[in-house]
Amino acid sequence: MAAERFTRKEADALLPYLAPILFQIRELKHQHDQCREQIAELSLKTRSN
């Protein structure tokens, strides 16, 4: 898929739509990372039993 190029004006116009989505992605990534840490900790606990 070819990357689409935007003018500065077009990109600025998209920011109000993209910013909330990007913040949500960042929060979901943080939650994902926390879950992976918890899984790793639980895996260690179950191996030691």
PDB file of N, CA and C in Angstrom:
ATOM      1  N   MET A   1       0.850  -1.173   0.000  1.00  0.00           N
ATOM      2  CA  MET A   1       0.000   0.000   0.000  1.00  0.00           C
ATOM      3  C   MET A   1       0.896   1.236   0.000  1.00  0.00           C
ATOM      4  N   ALA A   2       0.677   2.126  -0.926  1.00  0.00           N
ATOM      5  CA  ALA A   2       1.483   3.337  -1.038  1.00  0.00           C
ATOM      6  C   ALA A   2       1.069   4.344   0.028  1.00  0.00           C
ATOM      7  N   ALA A   3       2.054   5.017   0.590  1.00  0.00           N
ATOM      8  CA  ALA A   3       1.781   6.037   1.596  1.00  0.00           C
ATOM      9  C   ALA A   3       1.169   7.258   0.924  1.00  0.00           C
ATOM     10  N   GLU A   4       0.141   7.789   1.557  1.00  0.00           N
ATOM     11  CA  GLU A   4      -0.491   8.990   1.017  1.00  0.00           C
ATOM     12  C   GLU A   4       0.189  10.207   1.623  1.00  0.00           C
ATOM     13  N   ARG A   5       0.423  11.207   0.826  1.00  0.00           N
ATOM     14  CA  ARG A   5       1.063  12.431   1.307  1.00  0.00           C
ATOM     15  C   ARG A   5       0.005  13.523   1.447  1.00  0.00           C
ATOM     16  N   PHE A   6       0.168  14.319   2.484  1.00  0.00           N
ATOM     17  CA  PHE A   6      -0.765  15.397   2.764  1.00  0.00           C
ATOM     18  C   PHE A   6      -0.012  16.719   2.784  1.00  0.00           C
ATOM     19  N   THR A   7      -0.714  17.775   2.422  1.00  0.00           N
ATOM     20  CA  THR A   7      -0.134  19.103   2.594  1.00  0.00           C
ATOM     21  C   THR A   7      -0.188  19.447   4.079  1.00  0.00           C
ATOM     22  N   ARG A   8       0.552  20.441   4.481  1.00  0.00           N
ATOM     23  CA  ARG A   8       0.539  20.864   5.883  1.00  0.00           C
ATOM     24  C   ARG A   8      -0.877  21.257   6.302  1.00  0.00           C
ATOM     25  N   LYS A   9      -1.581  21.952   5.424  1.00  0.00           N
ATOM     26  CA  LYS A   9      -2.947  22.386   5.724  1.00  0.00           C
ATOM     27  C   LYS A   9      -3.873  21.179   5.906  1.00  0.00           C
ATOM     28  N   GLU A  10      -3.753  20.190   5.049  1.00  0.00           N
ATOM     29  CA  GLU A  10      -4.578  18.979   5.157  1.00  0.00           C
ATOM     30  C   GLU A  10      -4.256  18.210   6.435  1.00  0.00           C
ATOM     31  N   ALA A  11      -2.976  18.105   6.738  1.00  0.00           N
ATOM     32  CA  ALA A  11      -2.570  17.390   7.950  1.00  0.00           C
ATOM     33  C   ALA A  11      -3.085  18.098   9.193  1.00  0.00           C
ATOM     34  N   ASP A  12      -2.966  19.411   9.229  1.00  0.00           N
ATOM     35  CA  ASP A  12      -3.477  20.175  10.370  1.00  0.00           C
ATOM     36  C   ASP A  12      -4.983  20.003  10.525  1.00  0.00           C
ATOM     37  N   ALA A  13      -5.693  19.903   9.419  1.00  0.00           N
ATOM     38  CA  ALA A  13      -7.144  19.728   9.471  1.00  0.00           C
ATOM     39  C   ALA A  13      -7.527  18.359  10.036  1.00  0.00           C
ATOM     40  N   LEU A  14      -6.659  17.377   9.890  1.00  0.00           N
ATOM     41  CA  LEU A  14      -6.942  16.031  10.399  1.00  0.00           C
ATOM     42  C   LEU A  14      -6.662  15.884  11.898  1.00  0.00           C
ATOM     43  N   LEU A  15      -5.859  16.767  12.458  1.00  0.00           N
ATOM     44  CA  LEU A  15      -5.460  16.630  13.861  1.00  0.00           C
ATOM     45  C   LEU A  15      -6.623  16.522  14.842  1.00  0.00           C
ATOM     46  N   PRO A  16      -7.683  17.315  14.717  1.00  0.00           N
ATOM     47  CA  PRO A  16      -8.788  17.171  15.675  1.00  0.00           C
ATOM     48  C   PRO A  16      -9.415  15.773  15.667  1.00  0.00           C
ATOM     49  N   TYR A  17      -9.339  15.077  14.555  1.00  0.00           N
ATOM     50  CA  TYR A  17      -9.894  13.725  14.456  1.00  0.00           C
ATOM     51  C   TYR A  17      -8.890  12.673  14.927  1.00  0.00           C
ATOM     52  N   LEU A  18      -7.626  12.914  14.621  1.00  0.00           N
ATOM     53  CA  LEU A  18      -6.599  11.921  14.929  1.00  0.00           C
ATOM     54  C   LEU A  18      -6.129  11.962  16.376  1.00  0.00           C
ATOM     55  N   ALA A  19      -6.072  13.136  16.961  1.00  0.00           N
ATOM     56  CA  ALA A  19      -5.526  13.263  18.314  1.00  0.00           C
ATOM     57  C   ALA A  19      -6.240  12.355  19.318  1.00  0.00           C
ATOM     58  N   PRO A  20      -7.575  12.351  19.398  1.00  0.00           N
ATOM     59  CA  PRO A  20      -8.230  11.457  20.363  1.00  0.00           C
ATOM     60  C   PRO A  20      -7.947   9.979  20.094  1.00  0.00           C
ATOM     61  N   ILE A  21      -7.865   9.612  18.835  1.00  0.00           N
ATOM     62  CA  ILE A  21      -7.575   8.219  18.485  1.00  0.00           C
ATOM     63  C   ILE A  21      -6.168   7.851  18.931  1.00  0.00           C
ATOM     64  N   LEU A  22      -5.223   8.750  18.705  1.00  0.00           N
ATOM     65  CA  LEU A  22      -3.840   8.481  19.104  1.00  0.00           C
ATOM     66  C   LEU A  22      -3.701   8.388  20.620  1.00  0.00           C
ATOM     67  N   PHE A  23      -4.422   9.229  21.361  1.00  0.00           N
ATOM     68  CA  PHE A  23      -4.395   9.140  22.821  1.00  0.00           C
ATOM     69  C   PHE A  23      -4.977   7.808  23.287  1.00  0.00           C
ATOM     70  N   GLN A  24      -6.040   7.362  22.631  1.00  0.00           N
ATOM     71  CA  GLN A  24      -6.649   6.079  22.983  1.00  0.00           C
ATOM     72  C   GLN A  24      -5.689   4.930  22.685  1.00  0.00           C
ATOM     73  N   ILE A  25      -5.017   4.988  21.557  1.00  0.00           N
ATOM     74  CA  ILE A  25      -4.036   3.957  21.213  1.00  0.00           C
ATOM     75  C   ILE A  25      -2.931   3.917  22.257  1.00  0.00           C
ATOM     76  N   ARG A  26      -2.465   5.093  22.679  1.00  0.00           N
ATOM     77  CA  ARG A  26      -1.403   5.143  23.688  1.00  0.00           C
ATOM     78  C   ARG A  26      -1.866   4.511  24.999  1.00  0.00           C
ATOM     79  N   GLU A  27      -3.093   4.813  25.423  1.00  0.00           N
ATOM     80  CA  GLU A  27      -3.622   4.240  26.659  1.00  0.00           C
ATOM     81  C   GLU A  27      -3.783   2.724  26.532  1.00  0.00           C
ATOM     82  N   LEU A  28      -4.287   2.256  25.406  1.00  0.00           N
ATOM     83  CA  LEU A  28      -4.439   0.814  25.198  1.00  0.00           C
ATOM     84  C   LEU A  28      -3.086   0.107  25.180  1.00  0.00           C
ATOM     85  N   LYS A  29      -2.082   0.748  24.607  1.00  0.00           N
ATOM     86  CA  LYS A  29      -0.727   0.176  24.608  1.00  0.00           C
ATOM     87  C   LYS A  29      -0.210   0.064  26.036  1.00  0.00           C
ATOM     88  N   HIS A  30      -0.465   1.073  26.841  1.00  0.00           N
ATOM     89  CA  HIS A  30      -0.054   1.034  28.246  1.00  0.00           C
ATOM     90  C   HIS A  30      -0.745  -0.125  28.969  1.00  0.00           C
ATOM     91  N   GLN A  31      -2.037  -0.287  28.754  1.00  0.00           N
ATOM     92  CA  GLN A  31      -2.772  -1.391  29.372  1.00  0.00           C
ATOM     93  C   GLN A  31      -2.236  -2.734  28.891  1.00  0.00           C
ATOM     94  N   HIS A  32      -1.934  -2.833  27.628  1.00  0.00           N
ATOM     95  CA  HIS A  32      -1.383  -4.057  27.054  1.00  0.00           C
ATOM     96  C   HIS A  32      -0.058  -4.404  27.720  1.00  0.00           C
ATOM     97  N   ASP A  33       0.799  -3.408  27.865  1.00  0.00           N
ATOM     98  CA  ASP A  33       2.098  -3.639  28.496  1.00  0.00           C
ATOM     99  C   ASP A  33       1.939  -4.102  29.941  1.00  0.00           C
ATOM    100  N   GLN A  34       0.992  -3.514  30.661  1.00  0.00           N
ATOM    101  CA  GLN A  34       0.742  -3.933  32.041  1.00  0.00           C
ATOM    102  C   GLN A  34       0.263  -5.381  32.093  1.00  0.00           C
ATOM    103  N   CYS A  35      -0.615  -5.756  31.194  1.00  0.00           N
ATOM    104  CA  CYS A  35      -1.104  -7.135  31.151  1.00  0.00           C
ATOM    105  C   CYS A  35       0.030  -8.111  30.856  1.00  0.00           C
ATOM    106  N   ARG A  36       0.907  -7.746  29.944  1.00  0.00           N
ATOM    107  CA  ARG A  36       2.043  -8.620  29.626  1.00  0.00           C
ATOM    108  C   ARG A  36       2.954  -8.797  30.839  1.00  0.00           C
ATOM    109  N   GLU A  37       3.159  -7.726  31.599  1.00  0.00           N
ATOM    110  CA  GLU A  37       3.967  -7.823  32.814  1.00  0.00           C
ATOM    111  C   GLU A  37       3.307  -8.758  33.823  1.00  0.00           C
ATOM    112  N   GLN A  38       1.996  -8.621  33.983  1.00  0.00           N
ATOM    113  CA  GLN A  38       1.272  -9.484  34.922  1.00  0.00           C
ATOM    114  C   GLN A  38       1.347 -10.942  34.481  1.00  0.00           C
ATOM    115  N   ILE A  39       1.220 -11.189  33.207  1.00  0.00           N
ATOM    116  CA  ILE A  39       1.317 -12.556  32.689  1.00  0.00           C
ATOM    117  C   ILE A  39       2.696 -13.127  32.973  1.00  0.00           C
ATOM    118  N   ALA A  40       3.723 -12.328  32.746  1.00  0.00           N
ATOM    119  CA  ALA A  40       5.087 -12.792  33.000  1.00  0.00           C
ATOM    120  C   ALA A  40       5.277 -13.124  34.475  1.00  0.00           C
ATOM    121  N   GLU A  41       4.767 -12.276  35.361  1.00  0.00           N
ATOM    122  CA  GLU A  41       4.881 -12.527  36.800  1.00  0.00           C
ATOM    123  C   GLU A  41       4.132 -13.801  37.196  1.00  0.00           C
ATOM    124  N   LEU A  42       2.924 -13.968  36.671  1.00  0.00           N
ATOM    125  CA  LEU A  42       2.145 -15.156  37.004  1.00  0.00           C
ATOM    126  C   LEU A  42       2.790 -16.419  36.447  1.00  0.00           C
ATOM    127  N   SER A  43       3.391 -16.314  35.289  1.00  0.00           N
ATOM    128  CA  SER A  43       4.080 -17.468  34.708  1.00  0.00           C
ATOM    129  C   SER A  43       5.231 -17.909  35.593  1.00  0.00           C
ATOM    130  N   LEU A  44       5.966 -16.950  36.122  1.00  0.00           N
ATOM    131  CA  LEU A  44       7.072 -17.289  37.025  1.00  0.00           C
ATOM    132  C   LEU A  44       6.554 -17.966  38.288  1.00  0.00           C
ATOM    133  N   LYS A  45       5.443 -17.463  38.813  1.00  0.00           N
ATOM    134  CA  LYS A  45       4.871 -18.052  40.028  1.00  0.00           C
ATOM    135  C   LYS A  45       4.410 -19.481  39.780  1.00  0.00           C
ATOM    136  N   THR A  46       3.775 -19.725  38.643  1.00  0.00           N
ATOM    137  CA  THR A  46       3.273 -21.073  38.387  1.00  0.00           C
ATOM    138  C   THR A  46       4.410 -22.049  38.117  1.00  0.00           C
ATOM    139  N   ARG A  47       5.503 -21.579  37.549  1.00  0.00           N
ATOM    140  CA  ARG A  47       6.645 -22.461  37.308  1.00  0.00           C
ATOM    141  C   ARG A  47       7.327 -22.871  38.601  1.00  0.00           C
ATOM    142  N   SER A  48       7.274 -21.999  39.590  1.00  0.00           N
ATOM    143  CA  SER A  48       7.969 -22.302  40.841  1.00  0.00           C
ATOM    144  C   SER A  48       7.149 -23.202  41.758  1.00  0.00           C
ATOM    145  N   ASN A  49       5.911 -23.480  41.396  1.00  0.00           N
ATOM    146  CA  ASN A  49       5.078 -24.363  42.231  1.00  0.00           C
ATOM    147  C   ASN A  49       5.284 -25.810  41.893  1.00  0.00           C
TER     148      ASN A  49
END
